[in-house]
Amino acid sequence: MLFLDEPTSALDPAAIKGVEAAVREFHQRGTRIVMTTHDLHQARRLAGDVLFLSGGKVCEHTSAETFFNSPVSREGQAFIAGELME
């Protein structure tokens, strides 16, 4: 199992591409990956499942496709829309 916490923060686009390629390769070889990110585009590219946390609680745990296309929680909907929650 590989745990990654914002692995591409502050990297240039070429380095991000390299990290994402490595993550995909590890996944294809059977490594389970848990990754935190605030980057919606990166999450769309890499995620299979989404565990969405807001305010210290789990608001959603679903497939990436479901989360990005139709989140069910108010917090998830606001995040996808780019709105700030209080």
N, C-alpha and C. Protein backbone atom coordinates (compact mmCIF):
# COMPACT_ATOMS: atom_id res chain seq x y z
N MET A 1 0.85 -1.16 0.00
CA MET A 1 0.00 0.00 0.00
C MET A 1 0.90 1.23 0.00
N LEU A 2 0.53 2.20 -0.82
CA LEU A 2 1.28 3.45 -0.95
C LEU A 2 0.39 4.60 -0.51
N PHE A 3 0.84 5.37 0.46
CA PHE A 3 0.12 6.55 0.93
C PHE A 3 0.82 7.79 0.39
N LEU A 4 0.06 8.67 -0.26
CA LEU A 4 0.60 9.90 -0.83
C LEU A 4 -0.21 11.10 -0.33
N ASP A 5 0.47 12.10 0.18
CA ASP A 5 -0.19 13.30 0.68
C ASP A 5 0.22 14.47 -0.20
N GLU A 6 -0.67 14.88 -1.08
CA GLU A 6 -0.41 15.98 -2.01
C GLU A 6 0.94 15.81 -2.70
N PRO A 7 1.16 14.70 -3.40
CA PRO A 7 2.49 14.39 -3.94
C PRO A 7 2.99 15.33 -5.03
N THR A 8 2.10 16.14 -5.59
CA THR A 8 2.54 17.01 -6.69
C THR A 8 2.43 18.49 -6.36
N SER A 9 2.18 18.81 -5.09
CA SER A 9 2.06 20.23 -4.75
C SER A 9 3.38 20.94 -5.02
N ALA A 10 3.30 22.10 -5.61
CA ALA A 10 4.45 22.95 -5.92
C ALA A 10 5.38 22.38 -6.99
N LEU A 11 4.91 21.42 -7.77
CA LEU A 11 5.72 20.89 -8.87
C LEU A 11 5.32 21.54 -10.19
N ASP A 12 6.26 21.58 -11.12
CA ASP A 12 5.95 22.10 -12.44
C ASP A 12 5.19 21.02 -13.23
N PRO A 13 4.52 21.41 -14.32
CA PRO A 13 3.70 20.46 -15.07
C PRO A 13 4.43 19.20 -15.53
N ALA A 14 5.68 19.31 -15.94
CA ALA A 14 6.43 18.13 -16.38
C ALA A 14 6.64 17.16 -15.22
N ALA A 15 6.96 17.67 -14.06
CA ALA A 15 7.16 16.82 -12.89
C ALA A 15 5.85 16.18 -12.45
N ILE A 16 4.76 16.92 -12.52
CA ILE A 16 3.44 16.37 -12.19
C ILE A 16 3.12 15.19 -13.11
N LYS A 17 3.37 15.37 -14.39
CA LYS A 17 3.13 14.30 -15.35
C LYS A 17 3.93 13.05 -14.98
N GLY A 18 5.18 13.22 -14.57
CA GLY A 18 6.02 12.10 -14.18
C GLY A 18 5.51 11.39 -12.94
N VAL A 19 5.09 12.16 -11.94
CA VAL A 19 4.54 11.57 -10.72
C VAL A 19 3.26 10.80 -11.03
N GLU A 20 2.37 11.39 -11.84
CA GLU A 20 1.13 10.71 -12.18
C GLU A 20 1.39 9.42 -12.96
N ALA A 21 2.38 9.44 -13.83
CA ALA A 21 2.73 8.23 -14.58
C ALA A 21 3.21 7.14 -13.62
N ALA A 22 4.01 7.52 -12.64
CA ALA A 22 4.49 6.56 -11.65
C ALA A 22 3.33 5.99 -10.83
N VAL A 23 2.41 6.84 -10.43
CA VAL A 23 1.24 6.40 -9.66
C VAL A 23 0.44 5.39 -10.48
N ARG A 24 0.21 5.69 -11.75
CA ARG A 24 -0.53 4.76 -12.62
C ARG A 24 0.20 3.42 -12.74
N GLU A 25 1.51 3.48 -12.89
CA GLU A 25 2.30 2.25 -13.04
C GLU A 25 2.23 1.41 -11.76
N PHE A 26 2.38 2.04 -10.62
CA PHE A 26 2.26 1.30 -9.36
C PHE A 26 0.89 0.65 -9.25
N HIS A 27 -0.14 1.40 -9.61
CA HIS A 27 -1.51 0.87 -9.55
C HIS A 27 -1.68 -0.33 -10.49
N GLN A 28 -1.17 -0.22 -11.69
CA GLN A 28 -1.27 -1.32 -12.67
C GLN A 28 -0.55 -2.57 -12.18
N ARG A 29 0.47 -2.39 -11.36
CA ARG A 29 1.22 -3.53 -10.82
C ARG A 29 0.57 -4.12 -9.57
N GLY A 30 -0.57 -3.55 -9.18
CA GLY A 30 -1.32 -4.10 -8.06
C GLY A 30 -1.17 -3.39 -6.73
N THR A 31 -0.45 -2.28 -6.71
CA THR A 31 -0.28 -1.53 -5.47
C THR A 31 -1.56 -0.76 -5.17
N ARG A 32 -2.04 -0.89 -3.94
CA ARG A 32 -3.18 -0.09 -3.50
C ARG A 32 -2.64 1.30 -3.15
N ILE A 33 -3.34 2.34 -3.59
CA ILE A 33 -2.86 3.71 -3.39
C ILE A 33 -3.93 4.53 -2.69
N VAL A 34 -3.53 5.23 -1.65
CA VAL A 34 -4.39 6.19 -0.96
C VAL A 34 -3.69 7.53 -1.11
N MET A 35 -4.39 8.47 -1.74
CA MET A 35 -3.77 9.75 -2.05
C MET A 35 -4.69 10.90 -1.67
N THR A 36 -4.14 11.90 -1.00
CA THR A 36 -4.90 13.11 -0.72
C THR A 36 -4.54 14.15 -1.76
N THR A 37 -5.54 14.91 -2.20
CA THR A 37 -5.31 16.01 -3.13
C THR A 37 -6.46 17.00 -3.06
N HIS A 38 -6.14 18.25 -3.30
CA HIS A 38 -7.15 19.28 -3.45
C HIS A 38 -7.34 19.61 -4.93
N ASP A 39 -6.57 18.96 -5.78
CA ASP A 39 -6.57 19.23 -7.22
C ASP A 39 -7.65 18.38 -7.90
N LEU A 40 -8.77 19.02 -8.22
CA LEU A 40 -9.88 18.30 -8.85
C LEU A 40 -9.48 17.63 -10.15
N HIS A 41 -8.70 18.30 -10.96
CA HIS A 41 -8.30 17.73 -12.25
C HIS A 41 -7.45 16.48 -12.04
N GLN A 42 -6.55 16.53 -11.10
CA GLN A 42 -5.71 15.37 -10.82
C GLN A 42 -6.56 14.22 -10.26
N ALA A 43 -7.48 14.53 -9.38
CA ALA A 43 -8.35 13.49 -8.83
C ALA A 43 -9.18 12.85 -9.94
N ARG A 44 -9.68 13.64 -10.87
CA ARG A 44 -10.43 13.09 -12.01
C ARG A 44 -9.56 12.16 -12.85
N ARG A 45 -8.29 12.53 -13.03
CA ARG A 45 -7.38 11.71 -13.84
C ARG A 45 -7.00 10.41 -13.17
N LEU A 46 -6.87 10.41 -11.85
CA LEU A 46 -6.27 9.27 -11.18
C LEU A 46 -7.21 8.43 -10.32
N ALA A 47 -8.28 9.00 -9.84
CA ALA A 47 -9.09 8.31 -8.82
C ALA A 47 -9.97 7.21 -9.39
N GLY A 48 -10.08 6.16 -8.60
CA GLY A 48 -11.06 5.11 -8.86
C GLY A 48 -12.22 5.27 -7.89
N ASP A 49 -11.88 5.50 -6.63
CA ASP A 49 -12.85 5.77 -5.57
C ASP A 49 -12.51 7.11 -4.95
N VAL A 50 -13.54 7.77 -4.41
CA VAL A 50 -13.34 9.05 -3.73
C VAL A 50 -13.90 8.94 -2.32
N LEU A 51 -13.09 9.33 -1.37
CA LEU A 51 -13.51 9.49 0.01
C LEU A 51 -13.39 10.99 0.26
N PHE A 52 -14.53 11.69 0.28
CA PHE A 52 -14.54 13.14 0.37
C PHE A 52 -14.79 13.56 1.81
N LEU A 53 -13.84 14.34 2.35
CA LEU A 53 -13.95 14.83 3.72
C LEU A 53 -14.16 16.33 3.73
N SER A 54 -14.98 16.78 4.65
CA SER A 54 -15.20 18.22 4.82
C SER A 54 -15.54 18.46 6.28
N GLY A 55 -14.91 19.45 6.86
CA GLY A 55 -15.19 19.78 8.25
C GLY A 55 -14.87 18.65 9.21
N GLY A 56 -13.89 17.84 8.87
CA GLY A 56 -13.48 16.75 9.74
C GLY A 56 -14.37 15.53 9.70
N LYS A 57 -15.28 15.45 8.73
CA LYS A 57 -16.14 14.28 8.63
C LYS A 57 -16.18 13.76 7.20
N VAL A 58 -16.45 12.47 7.07
CA VAL A 58 -16.59 11.86 5.75
C VAL A 58 -17.98 12.21 5.23
N CYS A 59 -18.02 12.91 4.11
CA CYS A 59 -19.30 13.31 3.52
C CYS A 59 -19.75 12.35 2.43
N GLU A 60 -18.77 11.76 1.73
CA GLU A 60 -19.10 10.81 0.66
C GLU A 60 -17.98 9.78 0.52
N HIS A 61 -18.38 8.57 0.16
CA HIS A 61 -17.44 7.53 -0.24
C HIS A 61 -18.12 6.79 -1.39
N THR A 62 -17.61 7.02 -2.59
CA THR A 62 -18.25 6.48 -3.79
C THR A 62 -17.23 6.37 -4.91
N SER A 63 -17.67 5.88 -6.05
CA SER A 63 -16.77 5.83 -7.21
C SER A 63 -16.45 7.26 -7.66
N ALA A 64 -15.29 7.41 -8.27
CA ALA A 64 -14.92 8.73 -8.78
C ALA A 64 -15.94 9.23 -9.79
N GLU A 65 -16.38 8.34 -10.66
CA GLU A 65 -17.35 8.74 -11.68
C GLU A 65 -18.62 9.31 -11.03
N THR A 66 -19.14 8.62 -10.02
CA THR A 66 -20.34 9.10 -9.34
C THR A 66 -20.07 10.43 -8.64
N PHE A 67 -18.95 10.51 -7.92
CA PHE A 67 -18.67 11.74 -7.19
C PHE A 67 -18.54 12.93 -8.12
N PHE A 68 -17.79 12.78 -9.21
CA PHE A 68 -17.56 13.93 -10.08
C PHE A 68 -18.76 14.28 -10.96
N ASN A 69 -19.65 13.32 -11.19
CA ASN A 69 -20.82 13.59 -12.03
C ASN A 69 -22.06 13.95 -11.22
N SER A 70 -22.21 13.41 -10.01
CA SER A 70 -23.41 13.70 -9.23
C SER A 70 -23.18 13.45 -7.75
N PRO A 71 -22.39 14.30 -7.11
CA PRO A 71 -22.17 14.14 -5.68
C PRO A 71 -23.49 14.29 -4.92
N VAL A 72 -23.65 13.52 -3.86
CA VAL A 72 -24.93 13.55 -3.14
C VAL A 72 -24.92 14.50 -1.95
N SER A 73 -23.76 14.75 -1.36
CA SER A 73 -23.73 15.64 -0.20
C SER A 73 -23.68 17.10 -0.64
N ARG A 74 -24.21 17.94 0.21
CA ARG A 74 -24.17 19.39 -0.06
C ARG A 74 -22.72 19.87 -0.16
N GLU A 75 -21.87 19.31 0.69
CA GLU A 75 -20.46 19.69 0.69
C GLU A 75 -19.77 19.26 -0.61
N GLY A 76 -20.06 18.05 -1.05
CA GLY A 76 -19.48 17.56 -2.30
C GLY A 76 -19.94 18.36 -3.49
N GLN A 77 -21.21 18.70 -3.52
CA GLN A 77 -21.75 19.51 -4.61
C GLN A 77 -21.08 20.87 -4.65
N ALA A 78 -20.90 21.48 -3.48
CA ALA A 78 -20.25 22.80 -3.41
C ALA A 78 -18.80 22.70 -3.86
N PHE A 79 -18.09 21.66 -3.46
CA PHE A 79 -16.69 21.50 -3.83
C PHE A 79 -16.55 21.36 -5.34
N ILE A 80 -17.37 20.53 -5.95
CA ILE A 80 -17.32 20.33 -7.40
C ILE A 80 -17.64 21.63 -8.13
N ALA A 81 -18.55 22.42 -7.58
CA ALA A 81 -18.94 23.70 -8.19
C ALA A 81 -17.91 24.79 -7.93
N GLY A 82 -16.90 24.54 -7.10
CA GLY A 82 -15.89 25.54 -6.81
C GLY A 82 -16.32 26.56 -5.78
N GLU A 83 -17.35 26.22 -5.01
CA GLU A 83 -17.86 27.13 -3.98
C GLU A 83 -17.14 26.87 -2.66
N LEU A 84 -17.00 27.92 -1.87
CA LEU A 84 -16.41 27.80 -0.54
C LEU A 84 -17.49 27.50 0.47
N MET A 85 -17.23 26.53 1.33
CA MET A 85 -18.17 26.19 2.40
C MET A 85 -17.70 26.82 3.70
N GLU A 86 -18.63 27.17 4.54
CA GLU A 86 -18.28 27.71 5.87
C GLU A 86 -18.23 26.60 6.87
